[in-house]
């Protein structure tokens, strides 16, 4: 009888241990751009994902460049970012299995209503940047190797203004990281590179009454989703140069066998499902849609 009780207790303990292990296996790490978090979108998507699949996602929000490096180093199971050129390279080089088109919004050039550079009403970012440089109007750059920072550099190149290459150093997770980028030449009196995420960059641009490049989702969050709205306005929007697609890429288990590929793939399938895409489409702030679903 005593032996029977011990056997039952042993089986119960094994079940508890197994259940814990299974629960732990349902936790995955995702490195993503700050805009998916700052916009509030993940606060809607991830609880629904967990309810449907049991998967808990540990979010590591940072600039897209740093998020991609997390994937290259095998530190996460999946990345969710917005820099198409680097995303394609990530897959081509074998670090990711496949890029899933999840959604898009667009970039905006925002600034004070005084609009020293007279860019209001322009639709192409390169034209707006040329006017900002000509007026030597204060511009705040994220300068953090993010997808937004990469787009900003594309726009400076499209503007045709003289550029220079600079290397700045910023702290990432306690380490000094060198970031090489291009920006307008001889612009130290009006161009500020701050090495910060989107929210802090918008706040500083407001303080300086300066221009900056922002993703629509985060800007709407800061403009309409706070008790004290940010005092900046949309001045340039709508052109093809300002497109902002987001992709999700599971890290390749052939490169890093320890990653939880099956769960990352399940996340991808859920986000591209009818339900996941509808949640993205339905996510609004004060009646304004922040993201548009892209999965076919």
C-alpha atoms as a PDB file:
ATOM      1  CA  UNK A   1       0.000   0.000   0.000  1.00  0.00           C
ATOM      2  CA  UNK A   2       2.833   2.326   0.939  1.00  0.00           C
ATOM      3  CA  UNK A   3       4.622   1.463  -2.286  1.00  0.00           C
ATOM      4  CA  UNK A   4       1.422   2.231  -4.233  1.00  0.00           C
ATOM      5  CA  UNK A   5       1.139   5.663  -2.634  1.00  0.00           C
ATOM      6  CA  UNK A   6       4.774   6.372  -3.437  1.00  0.00           C
ATOM      7  CA  UNK A   7       4.169   5.360  -7.051  1.00  0.00           C
ATOM      8  CA  UNK A   8       1.151   7.676  -7.318  1.00  0.00           C
ATOM      9  CA  UNK A   9       3.099  10.546  -5.751  1.00  0.00           C
ATOM     10  CA  UNK A  10       5.949   9.915  -8.135  1.00  0.00           C
ATOM     11  CA  UNK A  11       3.631   9.979 -11.131  1.00  0.00           C
ATOM     12  CA  UNK A  12       2.013  13.210  -9.916  1.00  0.00           C
ATOM     13  CA  UNK A  13       5.429  14.811  -9.457  1.00  0.00           C
ATOM     14  CA  UNK A  14       6.514  13.705 -12.918  1.00  0.00           C
ATOM     15  CA  UNK A  15       3.333  15.180 -14.369  1.00  0.00           C
ATOM     16  CA  UNK A  16       3.968  18.482 -12.622  1.00  0.00           C
ATOM     17  CA  UNK A  17       7.559  18.584 -13.822  1.00  0.00           C
ATOM     18  CA  UNK A  18       6.500  17.691 -17.355  1.00  0.00           C
ATOM     19  CA  UNK A  19       3.779  20.332 -17.311  1.00  0.00           C
ATOM     20  CA  UNK A  20       6.290  22.963 -16.195  1.00  0.00           C
ATOM     21  CA  UNK A  21       8.685  21.952 -18.934  1.00  0.00           C
ATOM     22  CA  UNK A  22       5.968  22.140 -21.538  1.00  0.00           C
ATOM     23  CA  UNK A  23       4.993  25.565 -20.235  1.00  0.00           C
ATOM     24  CA  UNK A  24       8.583  26.777 -20.444  1.00  0.00           C
ATOM     25  CA  UNK A  25       8.880  25.498 -24.002  1.00  0.00           C
ATOM     26  CA  UNK A  26       5.989  27.753 -24.958  1.00  0.00           C
ATOM     27  CA  UNK A  27       8.029  30.874 -24.208  1.00  0.00           C
ATOM     28  CA  UNK A  28       9.898  32.401 -27.133  1.00  0.00           C
ATOM     29  CA  UNK A  29      12.102  35.472 -27.468  1.00  0.00           C
ATOM     30  CA  UNK A  30      11.340  38.049 -30.136  1.00  0.00           C
ATOM     31  CA  UNK A  31      13.579  40.999 -30.944  1.00  0.00           C
ATOM     32  CA  UNK A  32      11.569  43.762 -32.566  1.00  0.00           C
ATOM     33  CA  UNK A  33      11.653  47.414 -33.497  1.00  0.00           C
ATOM     34  CA  UNK A  34      10.547  49.885 -30.853  1.00  0.00           C
ATOM     35  CA  UNK A  35       7.660  51.046 -33.034  1.00  0.00           C
ATOM     36  CA  UNK A  36       5.705  47.800 -32.671  1.00  0.00           C
ATOM     37  CA  UNK A  37       5.855  48.241 -28.906  1.00  0.00           C
ATOM     38  CA  UNK A  38       5.606  52.043 -28.600  1.00  0.00           C
ATOM     39  CA  UNK A  39       2.532  52.082 -30.849  1.00  0.00           C
ATOM     40  CA  UNK A  40       0.695  49.704 -28.487  1.00  0.00           C
ATOM     41  CA  UNK A  41       0.119  47.067 -31.195  1.00  0.00           C
ATOM     42  CA  UNK A  42       1.867  44.250 -29.329  1.00  0.00           C
ATOM     43  CA  UNK A  43      -0.373  44.866 -26.321  1.00  0.00           C
ATOM     44  CA  UNK A  44      -3.259  43.748 -28.541  1.00  0.00           C
ATOM     45  CA  UNK A  45      -1.620  40.963 -30.542  1.00  0.00           C
ATOM     46  CA  UNK A  46       0.358  39.042 -27.943  1.00  0.00           C
ATOM     47  CA  UNK A  47      -2.419  38.363 -25.396  1.00  0.00           C
ATOM     48  CA  UNK A  48      -4.617  37.071 -28.244  1.00  0.00           C
ATOM     49  CA  UNK A  49      -1.760  34.898 -29.496  1.00  0.00           C
ATOM     50  CA  UNK A  50      -1.238  33.411 -26.042  1.00  0.00           C
ATOM     51  CA  UNK A  51      -4.951  32.704 -25.639  1.00  0.00           C
ATOM     52  CA  UNK A  52      -5.117  30.891 -28.980  1.00  0.00           C
ATOM     53  CA  UNK A  53      -1.794  29.025 -28.920  1.00  0.00           C
ATOM     54  CA  UNK A  54      -0.426  29.085 -25.394  1.00  0.00           C
ATOM     55  CA  UNK A  55       2.713  30.819 -26.680  1.00  0.00           C
ATOM     56  CA  UNK A  56       4.166  33.586 -24.533  1.00  0.00           C
ATOM     57  CA  UNK A  57       6.429  36.014 -26.356  1.00  0.00           C
ATOM     58  CA  UNK A  58       9.232  37.720 -24.468  1.00  0.00           C
ATOM     59  CA  UNK A  59       9.668  41.029 -26.299  1.00  0.00           C
ATOM     60  CA  UNK A  60      13.039  42.709 -26.677  1.00  0.00           C
ATOM     61  CA  UNK A  61      12.352  46.118 -28.235  1.00  0.00           C
ATOM     62  CA  UNK A  62      15.226  48.010 -29.834  1.00  0.00           C
ATOM     63  CA  UNK A  63      16.247  49.510 -33.143  1.00  0.00           C
ATOM     64  CA  UNK A  64      15.903  47.263 -36.193  1.00  0.00           C
ATOM     65  CA  UNK A  65      19.675  47.037 -36.684  1.00  0.00           C
ATOM     66  CA  UNK A  66      20.158  45.791 -33.128  1.00  0.00           C
ATOM     67  CA  UNK A  67      17.172  43.438 -33.457  1.00  0.00           C
ATOM     68  CA  UNK A  68      18.672  41.899 -36.589  1.00  0.00           C
ATOM     69  CA  UNK A  69      22.002  41.501 -34.797  1.00  0.00           C
ATOM     70  CA  UNK A  70      20.169  39.571 -32.080  1.00  0.00           C
ATOM     71  CA  UNK A  71      19.026  37.173 -34.793  1.00  0.00           C
ATOM     72  CA  UNK A  72      22.487  36.955 -36.356  1.00  0.00           C
ATOM     73  CA  UNK A  73      23.947  36.098 -32.950  1.00  0.00           C
ATOM     74  CA  UNK A  74      21.257  33.484 -32.244  1.00  0.00           C
ATOM     75  CA  UNK A  75      20.086  35.329 -29.136  1.00  0.00           C
ATOM     76  CA  UNK A  76      16.377  35.210 -30.070  1.00  0.00           C
ATOM     77  CA  UNK A  77      13.954  32.862 -31.784  1.00  0.00           C
ATOM     78  CA  UNK A  78      12.372  35.368 -34.171  1.00  0.00           C
ATOM     79  CA  UNK A  79      12.751  38.974 -35.335  1.00  0.00           C
ATOM     80  CA  UNK A  80       9.975  41.427 -36.282  1.00  0.00           C
ATOM     81  CA  UNK A  81      11.503  44.444 -38.021  1.00  0.00           C
ATOM     82  CA  UNK A  82      11.200  47.051 -40.800  1.00  0.00           C
ATOM     83  CA  UNK A  83      14.222  47.345 -43.044  1.00  0.00           C
ATOM     84  CA  UNK A  84      13.522  45.309 -46.168  1.00  0.00           C
ATOM     85  CA  UNK A  85      17.062  45.378 -47.557  1.00  0.00           C
ATOM     86  CA  UNK A  86      18.591  44.029 -44.351  1.00  0.00           C
ATOM     87  CA  UNK A  87      15.723  41.577 -43.856  1.00  0.00           C
ATOM     88  CA  UNK A  88      16.363  40.052 -47.285  1.00  0.00           C
ATOM     89  CA  UNK A  89      20.099  39.845 -46.534  1.00  0.00           C
ATOM     90  CA  UNK A  90      19.328  38.151 -43.195  1.00  0.00           C
ATOM     91  CA  UNK A  91      17.458  35.376 -45.008  1.00  0.00           C
ATOM     92  CA  UNK A  92      19.893  35.140 -47.929  1.00  0.00           C
ATOM     93  CA  UNK A  93      22.840  34.712 -45.561  1.00  0.00           C
ATOM     94  CA  UNK A  94      21.090  31.830 -43.813  1.00  0.00           C
ATOM     95  CA  UNK A  95      20.267  33.460 -40.493  1.00  0.00           C
ATOM     96  CA  UNK A  96      16.523  33.404 -41.116  1.00  0.00           C
ATOM     97  CA  UNK A  97      14.298  30.815 -42.750  1.00  0.00           C
ATOM     98  CA  UNK A  98      11.743  33.013 -44.506  1.00  0.00           C
ATOM     99  CA  UNK A  99      10.453  36.573 -44.405  1.00  0.00           C
ATOM    100  CA  UNK A 100       6.729  36.803 -43.674  1.00  0.00           C
ATOM    101  CA  UNK A 101       5.082  40.027 -44.845  1.00  0.00           C
ATOM    102  CA  UNK A 102       2.974  41.053 -41.851  1.00  0.00           C
ATOM    103  CA  UNK A 103       1.882  44.663 -42.284  1.00  0.00           C
ATOM    104  CA  UNK A 104       2.851  48.134 -43.350  1.00  0.00           C
ATOM    105  CA  UNK A 105       2.295  51.726 -42.493  1.00  0.00           C
ATOM    106  CA  UNK A 106       4.383  54.674 -43.569  1.00  0.00           C
ATOM    107  CA  UNK A 107       6.954  57.142 -42.403  1.00  0.00           C
ATOM    108  CA  UNK A 108       6.148  60.783 -41.779  1.00  0.00           C
ATOM    109  CA  UNK A 109       8.260  63.885 -41.558  1.00  0.00           C
ATOM    110  CA  UNK A 110       6.879  65.812 -38.616  1.00  0.00           C
ATOM    111  CA  UNK A 111       7.749  69.161 -37.150  1.00  0.00           C
ATOM    112  CA  UNK A 112       6.469  72.416 -35.655  1.00  0.00           C
ATOM    113  CA  UNK A 113       3.587  74.304 -37.246  1.00  0.00           C
ATOM    114  CA  UNK A 114       5.950  77.256 -37.840  1.00  0.00           C
ATOM    115  CA  UNK A 115       7.562  75.024 -40.536  1.00  0.00           C
ATOM    116  CA  UNK A 116      10.744  77.008 -41.167  1.00  0.00           C
ATOM    117  CA  UNK A 117      11.668  74.813 -44.161  1.00  0.00           C
ATOM    118  CA  UNK A 118       8.205  75.153 -45.775  1.00  0.00           C
ATOM    119  CA  UNK A 119       7.751  71.415 -46.349  1.00  0.00           C
ATOM    120  CA  UNK A 120       4.044  71.219 -45.512  1.00  0.00           C
ATOM    121  CA  UNK A 121       2.145  69.504 -48.303  1.00  0.00           C
ATOM    122  CA  UNK A 122       5.149  67.737 -49.828  1.00  0.00           C
ATOM    123  CA  UNK A 123       4.738  63.998 -50.405  1.00  0.00           C
ATOM    124  CA  UNK A 124       8.244  62.785 -51.225  1.00  0.00           C
ATOM    125  CA  UNK A 125      10.698  62.586 -48.357  1.00  0.00           C
ATOM    126  CA  UNK A 126      13.767  63.431 -50.435  1.00  0.00           C
ATOM    127  CA  UNK A 127      12.261  66.763 -51.504  1.00  0.00           C
ATOM    128  CA  UNK A 128      11.340  67.606 -47.901  1.00  0.00           C
ATOM    129  CA  UNK A 129      14.834  66.744 -46.658  1.00  0.00           C
ATOM    130  CA  UNK A 130      16.383  68.992 -49.322  1.00  0.00           C
ATOM    131  CA  UNK A 131      14.255  71.906 -48.092  1.00  0.00           C
ATOM    132  CA  UNK A 132      15.154  71.209 -44.460  1.00  0.00           C
ATOM    133  CA  UNK A 133      18.868  71.216 -45.332  1.00  0.00           C
ATOM    134  CA  UNK A 134      18.538  74.407 -47.387  1.00  0.00           C
ATOM    135  CA  UNK A 135      16.824  76.169 -44.467  1.00  0.00           C
ATOM    136  CA  UNK A 136      19.294  74.698 -41.949  1.00  0.00           C
ATOM    137  CA  UNK A 137      16.260  73.895 -39.839  1.00  0.00           C
ATOM    138  CA  UNK A 138      16.904  71.773 -36.768  1.00  0.00           C
ATOM    139  CA  UNK A 139      16.473  68.067 -37.501  1.00  0.00           C
ATOM    140  CA  UNK A 140      16.604  65.352 -34.827  1.00  0.00           C
ATOM    141  CA  UNK A 141      17.814  61.953 -36.030  1.00  0.00           C
ATOM    142  CA  UNK A 142      17.345  58.729 -34.114  1.00  0.00           C
ATOM    143  CA  UNK A 143      20.922  57.839 -35.060  1.00  0.00           C
ATOM    144  CA  UNK A 144      20.473  54.364 -33.605  1.00  0.00           C
ATOM    145  CA  UNK A 145      20.809  52.025 -36.623  1.00  0.00           C
ATOM    146  CA  UNK A 146      17.056  51.397 -36.524  1.00  0.00           C
ATOM    147  CA  UNK A 147      14.799  50.888 -39.508  1.00  0.00           C
ATOM    148  CA  UNK A 148      13.725  54.505 -39.158  1.00  0.00           C
ATOM    149  CA  UNK A 149      17.358  55.632 -39.135  1.00  0.00           C
ATOM    150  CA  UNK A 150      18.024  53.526 -42.256  1.00  0.00           C
ATOM    151  CA  UNK A 151      15.036  55.138 -44.008  1.00  0.00           C
ATOM    152  CA  UNK A 152      16.266  58.598 -43.019  1.00  0.00           C
ATOM    153  CA  UNK A 153      19.604  57.890 -44.706  1.00  0.00           C
ATOM    154  CA  UNK A 154      17.778  56.754 -47.860  1.00  0.00           C
ATOM    155  CA  UNK A 155      15.918  60.057 -47.893  1.00  0.00           C
ATOM    156  CA  UNK A 156      19.079  62.113 -47.457  1.00  0.00           C
ATOM    157  CA  UNK A 157      20.593  60.262 -50.416  1.00  0.00           C
ATOM    158  CA  UNK A 158      17.441  60.944 -52.455  1.00  0.00           C
ATOM    159  CA  UNK A 159      17.566  64.635 -51.519  1.00  0.00           C
ATOM    160  CA  UNK A 160      20.762  65.269 -53.464  1.00  0.00           C
ATOM    161  CA  UNK A 161      22.327  67.376 -50.702  1.00  0.00           C
ATOM    162  CA  UNK A 162      26.071  66.915 -49.989  1.00  0.00           C
ATOM    163  CA  UNK A 163      26.567  64.090 -47.514  1.00  0.00           C
ATOM    164  CA  UNK A 164      29.299  62.853 -45.251  1.00  0.00           C
ATOM    165  CA  UNK A 165      29.858  59.539 -43.506  1.00  0.00           C
ATOM    166  CA  UNK A 166      30.258  59.551 -39.756  1.00  0.00           C
ATOM    167  CA  UNK A 167      30.773  56.925 -37.098  1.00  0.00           C
ATOM    168  CA  UNK A 168      29.038  57.435 -33.783  1.00  0.00           C
ATOM    169  CA  UNK A 169      29.119  55.314 -30.676  1.00  0.00           C
ATOM    170  CA  UNK A 170      26.073  54.397 -28.644  1.00  0.00           C
ATOM    171  CA  UNK A 171      25.529  52.068 -25.696  1.00  0.00           C
ATOM    172  CA  UNK A 172      23.541  48.893 -26.345  1.00  0.00           C
ATOM    173  CA  UNK A 173      22.928  46.496 -23.460  1.00  0.00           C
ATOM    174  CA  UNK A 174      25.949  47.783 -21.587  1.00  0.00           C
ATOM    175  CA  UNK A 175      28.253  47.625 -24.622  1.00  0.00           C
ATOM    176  CA  UNK A 176      29.583  50.413 -26.798  1.00  0.00           C
ATOM    177  CA  UNK A 177      28.441  49.886 -30.392  1.00  0.00           C
ATOM    178  CA  UNK A 178      29.828  51.818 -33.368  1.00  0.00           C
ATOM    179  CA  UNK A 179      27.234  52.985 -35.903  1.00  0.00           C
ATOM    180  CA  UNK A 180      28.318  54.206 -39.338  1.00  0.00           C
ATOM    181  CA  UNK A 181      25.835  56.399 -41.178  1.00  0.00           C
ATOM    182  CA  UNK A 182      25.480  59.216 -43.682  1.00  0.00           C
ATOM    183  CA  UNK A 183      24.012  62.630 -43.000  1.00  0.00           C
ATOM    184  CA  UNK A 184      24.198  66.138 -44.442  1.00  0.00           C
ATOM    185  CA  UNK A 185      27.714  67.567 -44.607  1.00  0.00           C
ATOM    186  CA  UNK A 186      28.708  70.543 -42.442  1.00  0.00           C
ATOM    187  CA  UNK A 187      25.454  70.320 -40.480  1.00  0.00           C
ATOM    188  CA  UNK A 188      26.646  70.305 -36.883  1.00  0.00           C
ATOM    189  CA  UNK A 189      24.726  73.495 -36.092  1.00  0.00           C
ATOM    190  CA  UNK A 190      21.317  72.077 -37.080  1.00  0.00           C
ATOM    191  CA  UNK A 191      21.531  68.253 -37.329  1.00  0.00           C
ATOM    192  CA  UNK A 192      21.244  66.343 -34.028  1.00  0.00           C
ATOM    193  CA  UNK A 193      21.911  62.580 -33.846  1.00  0.00           C
ATOM    194  CA  UNK A 194      20.666  61.302 -30.494  1.00  0.00           C
ATOM    195  CA  UNK A 195      21.002  57.490 -30.524  1.00  0.00           C
ATOM    196  CA  UNK A 196      17.509  57.021 -29.034  1.00  0.00           C
ATOM    197  CA  UNK A 197      14.266  55.188 -29.794  1.00  0.00           C
ATOM    198  CA  UNK A 198      11.301  56.750 -31.543  1.00  0.00           C
ATOM    199  CA  UNK A 199       9.465  57.953 -28.451  1.00  0.00           C
ATOM    200  CA  UNK A 200      12.447  59.800 -26.973  1.00  0.00           C
ATOM    201  CA  UNK A 201      13.344  61.222 -30.386  1.00  0.00           C
ATOM    202  CA  UNK A 202       9.842  62.652 -30.794  1.00  0.00           C
ATOM    203  CA  UNK A 203       9.975  64.138 -27.309  1.00  0.00           C
ATOM    204  CA  UNK A 204      13.308  65.829 -28.025  1.00  0.00           C
ATOM    205  CA  UNK A 205      12.066  67.104 -31.399  1.00  0.00           C
ATOM    206  CA  UNK A 206       9.135  68.672 -29.579  1.00  0.00           C
ATOM    207  CA  UNK A 207      11.455  70.304 -27.045  1.00  0.00           C
ATOM    208  CA  UNK A 208      13.634  71.704 -29.825  1.00  0.00           C
ATOM    209  CA  UNK A 209      10.641  72.481 -32.091  1.00  0.00           C
ATOM    210  CA  UNK A 210      12.532  70.530 -34.710  1.00  0.00           C
ATOM    211  CA  UNK A 211      11.805  68.200 -37.610  1.00  0.00           C
ATOM    212  CA  UNK A 212      12.191  64.442 -37.391  1.00  0.00           C
ATOM    213  CA  UNK A 213      11.276  61.281 -39.274  1.00  0.00           C
ATOM    214  CA  UNK A 214       8.770  59.038 -37.497  1.00  0.00           C
ATOM    215  CA  UNK A 215       6.764  55.922 -38.215  1.00  0.00           C
ATOM    216  CA  UNK A 216       3.049  56.679 -38.345  1.00  0.00           C
ATOM    217  CA  UNK A 217       2.109  54.240 -35.585  1.00  0.00           C
ATOM    218  CA  UNK A 218       4.343  55.746 -32.915  1.00  0.00           C
ATOM    219  CA  UNK A 219       3.548  59.307 -33.947  1.00  0.00           C
ATOM    220  CA  UNK A 220      -0.197  58.732 -33.659  1.00  0.00           C
ATOM    221  CA  UNK A 221       0.353  57.148 -30.255  1.00  0.00           C
ATOM    222  CA  UNK A 222       2.251  60.224 -29.051  1.00  0.00           C
ATOM    223  CA  UNK A 223      -0.027  62.734 -30.773  1.00  0.00           C
ATOM    224  CA  UNK A 224      -3.424  61.286 -29.931  1.00  0.00           C
ATOM    225  CA  UNK A 225      -2.862  58.595 -27.302  1.00  0.00           C
ATOM    226  CA  UNK A 226      -1.583  60.682 -24.428  1.00  0.00           C
ATOM    227  CA  UNK A 227      -3.242  63.102 -22.031  1.00  0.00           C
ATOM    228  CA  UNK A 228      -0.732  65.761 -23.102  1.00  0.00           C
ATOM    229  CA  UNK A 229      -0.286  65.350 -26.875  1.00  0.00           C
ATOM    230  CA  UNK A 230       3.068  65.930 -28.497  1.00  0.00           C
ATOM    231  CA  UNK A 231       3.221  69.406 -30.062  1.00  0.00           C
ATOM    232  CA  UNK A 232       4.337  68.387 -33.570  1.00  0.00           C
ATOM    233  CA  UNK A 233       2.373  68.041 -36.814  1.00  0.00           C
ATOM    234  CA  UNK A 234       2.548  65.863 -39.918  1.00  0.00           C
ATOM    235  CA  UNK A 235       4.157  67.979 -42.648  1.00  0.00           C
ATOM    236  CA  UNK A 236       5.211  65.427 -45.284  1.00  0.00           C
ATOM    237  CA  UNK A 237       3.426  62.152 -46.025  1.00  0.00           C
ATOM    238  CA  UNK A 238       2.085  59.869 -48.714  1.00  0.00           C
ATOM    239  CA  UNK A 239       4.900  59.384 -51.222  1.00  0.00           C
ATOM    240  CA  UNK A 240       6.459  56.059 -52.253  1.00  0.00           C
ATOM    241  CA  UNK A 241       9.745  57.011 -50.615  1.00  0.00           C
ATOM    242  CA  UNK A 242       8.002  56.918 -47.231  1.00  0.00           C
ATOM    243  CA  UNK A 243       6.665  53.339 -47.426  1.00  0.00           C
ATOM    244  CA  UNK A 244       7.309  51.266 -44.276  1.00  0.00           C
ATOM    245  CA  UNK A 245       6.745  47.470 -44.543  1.00  0.00           C
ATOM    246  CA  UNK A 246       7.241  45.153 -41.557  1.00  0.00           C
ATOM    247  CA  UNK A 247       8.459  41.563 -41.797  1.00  0.00           C
ATOM    248  CA  UNK A 248       8.698  38.680 -39.337  1.00  0.00           C
ATOM    249  CA  UNK A 249      11.525  36.141 -39.733  1.00  0.00           C
ATOM    250  CA  UNK A 250      12.093  32.972 -37.663  1.00  0.00           C
ATOM    251  CA  UNK A 251      15.768  32.376 -36.886  1.00  0.00           C
ATOM    252  CA  UNK A 252      17.176  29.422 -38.822  1.00  0.00           C
ATOM    253  CA  UNK A 253      17.513  26.262 -36.682  1.00  0.00           C
ATOM    254  CA  UNK A 254      20.178  24.968 -39.101  1.00  0.00           C
ATOM    255  CA  UNK A 255      22.330  27.891 -37.998  1.00  0.00           C
ATOM    256  CA  UNK A 256      21.288  27.763 -34.331  1.00  0.00           C
ATOM    257  CA  UNK A 257      19.803  24.395 -33.273  1.00  0.00           C
ATOM    258  CA  UNK A 258      18.804  25.769 -29.860  1.00  0.00           C
ATOM    259  CA  UNK A 259      16.175  28.189 -31.216  1.00  0.00           C
ATOM    260  CA  UNK A 260      12.506  27.333 -30.795  1.00  0.00           C
ATOM    261  CA  UNK A 261      11.771  27.286 -34.486  1.00  0.00           C
ATOM    262  CA  UNK A 262       8.481  25.384 -34.319  1.00  0.00           C
ATOM    263  CA  UNK A 263       7.003  27.992 -31.988  1.00  0.00           C
ATOM    264  CA  UNK A 264       8.416  30.876 -34.033  1.00  0.00           C
ATOM    265  CA  UNK A 265       6.835  29.357 -37.138  1.00  0.00           C
ATOM    266  CA  UNK A 266       3.546  28.996 -35.253  1.00  0.00           C
ATOM    267  CA  UNK A 267       3.750  32.691 -34.364  1.00  0.00           C
ATOM    268  CA  UNK A 268       4.307  33.537 -38.038  1.00  0.00           C
ATOM    269  CA  UNK A 269       1.337  31.437 -39.129  1.00  0.00           C
ATOM    270  CA  UNK A 270      -0.894  33.052 -36.499  1.00  0.00           C
ATOM    271  CA  UNK A 271       0.122  36.597 -37.469  1.00  0.00           C
ATOM    272  CA  UNK A 272      -0.543  35.873 -41.147  1.00  0.00           C
ATOM    273  CA  UNK A 273      -3.846  34.127 -40.438  1.00  0.00           C
ATOM    274  CA  UNK A 274      -7.182  35.796 -41.021  1.00  0.00           C
ATOM    275  CA  UNK A 275      -7.532  36.469 -37.295  1.00  0.00           C
ATOM    276  CA  UNK A 276      -4.051  37.929 -36.841  1.00  0.00           C
ATOM    277  CA  UNK A 277      -4.418  40.139 -39.899  1.00  0.00           C
ATOM    278  CA  UNK A 278      -7.851  41.327 -38.790  1.00  0.00           C
ATOM    279  CA  UNK A 279      -6.522  42.307 -35.364  1.00  0.00           C
ATOM    280  CA  UNK A 280      -3.831  44.376 -37.083  1.00  0.00           C
ATOM    281  CA  UNK A 281      -6.402  46.035 -39.354  1.00  0.00           C
ATOM    282  CA  UNK A 282      -8.738  46.740 -36.439  1.00  0.00           C
ATOM    283  CA  UNK A 283      -6.089  48.327 -34.222  1.00  0.00           C
ATOM    284  CA  UNK A 284      -6.888  52.029 -34.114  1.00  0.00           C
ATOM    285  CA  UNK A 285      -6.172  54.941 -31.855  1.00  0.00           C
ATOM    286  CA  UNK A 286      -8.792  57.688 -31.667  1.00  0.00           C
ATOM    287  CA  UNK A 287     -10.306  56.325 -34.854  1.00  0.00           C
ATOM    288  CA  UNK A 288      -7.018  56.317 -36.761  1.00  0.00           C
ATOM    289  CA  UNK A 289      -5.671  53.069 -38.230  1.00  0.00           C
ATOM    290  CA  UNK A 290      -1.993  52.592 -37.378  1.00  0.00           C
ATOM    291  CA  UNK A 291      -1.063  49.531 -39.482  1.00  0.00           C
ATOM    292  CA  UNK A 292      -2.369  47.799 -42.607  1.00  0.00           C
ATOM    293  CA  UNK A 293      -2.178  43.990 -43.032  1.00  0.00           C
ATOM    294  CA  UNK A 294       0.053  42.628 -45.796  1.00  0.00           C
ATOM    295  CA  UNK A 295      -0.332  38.828 -45.688  1.00  0.00           C
ATOM    296  CA  UNK A 296      -1.903  37.414 -48.827  1.00  0.00           C
END
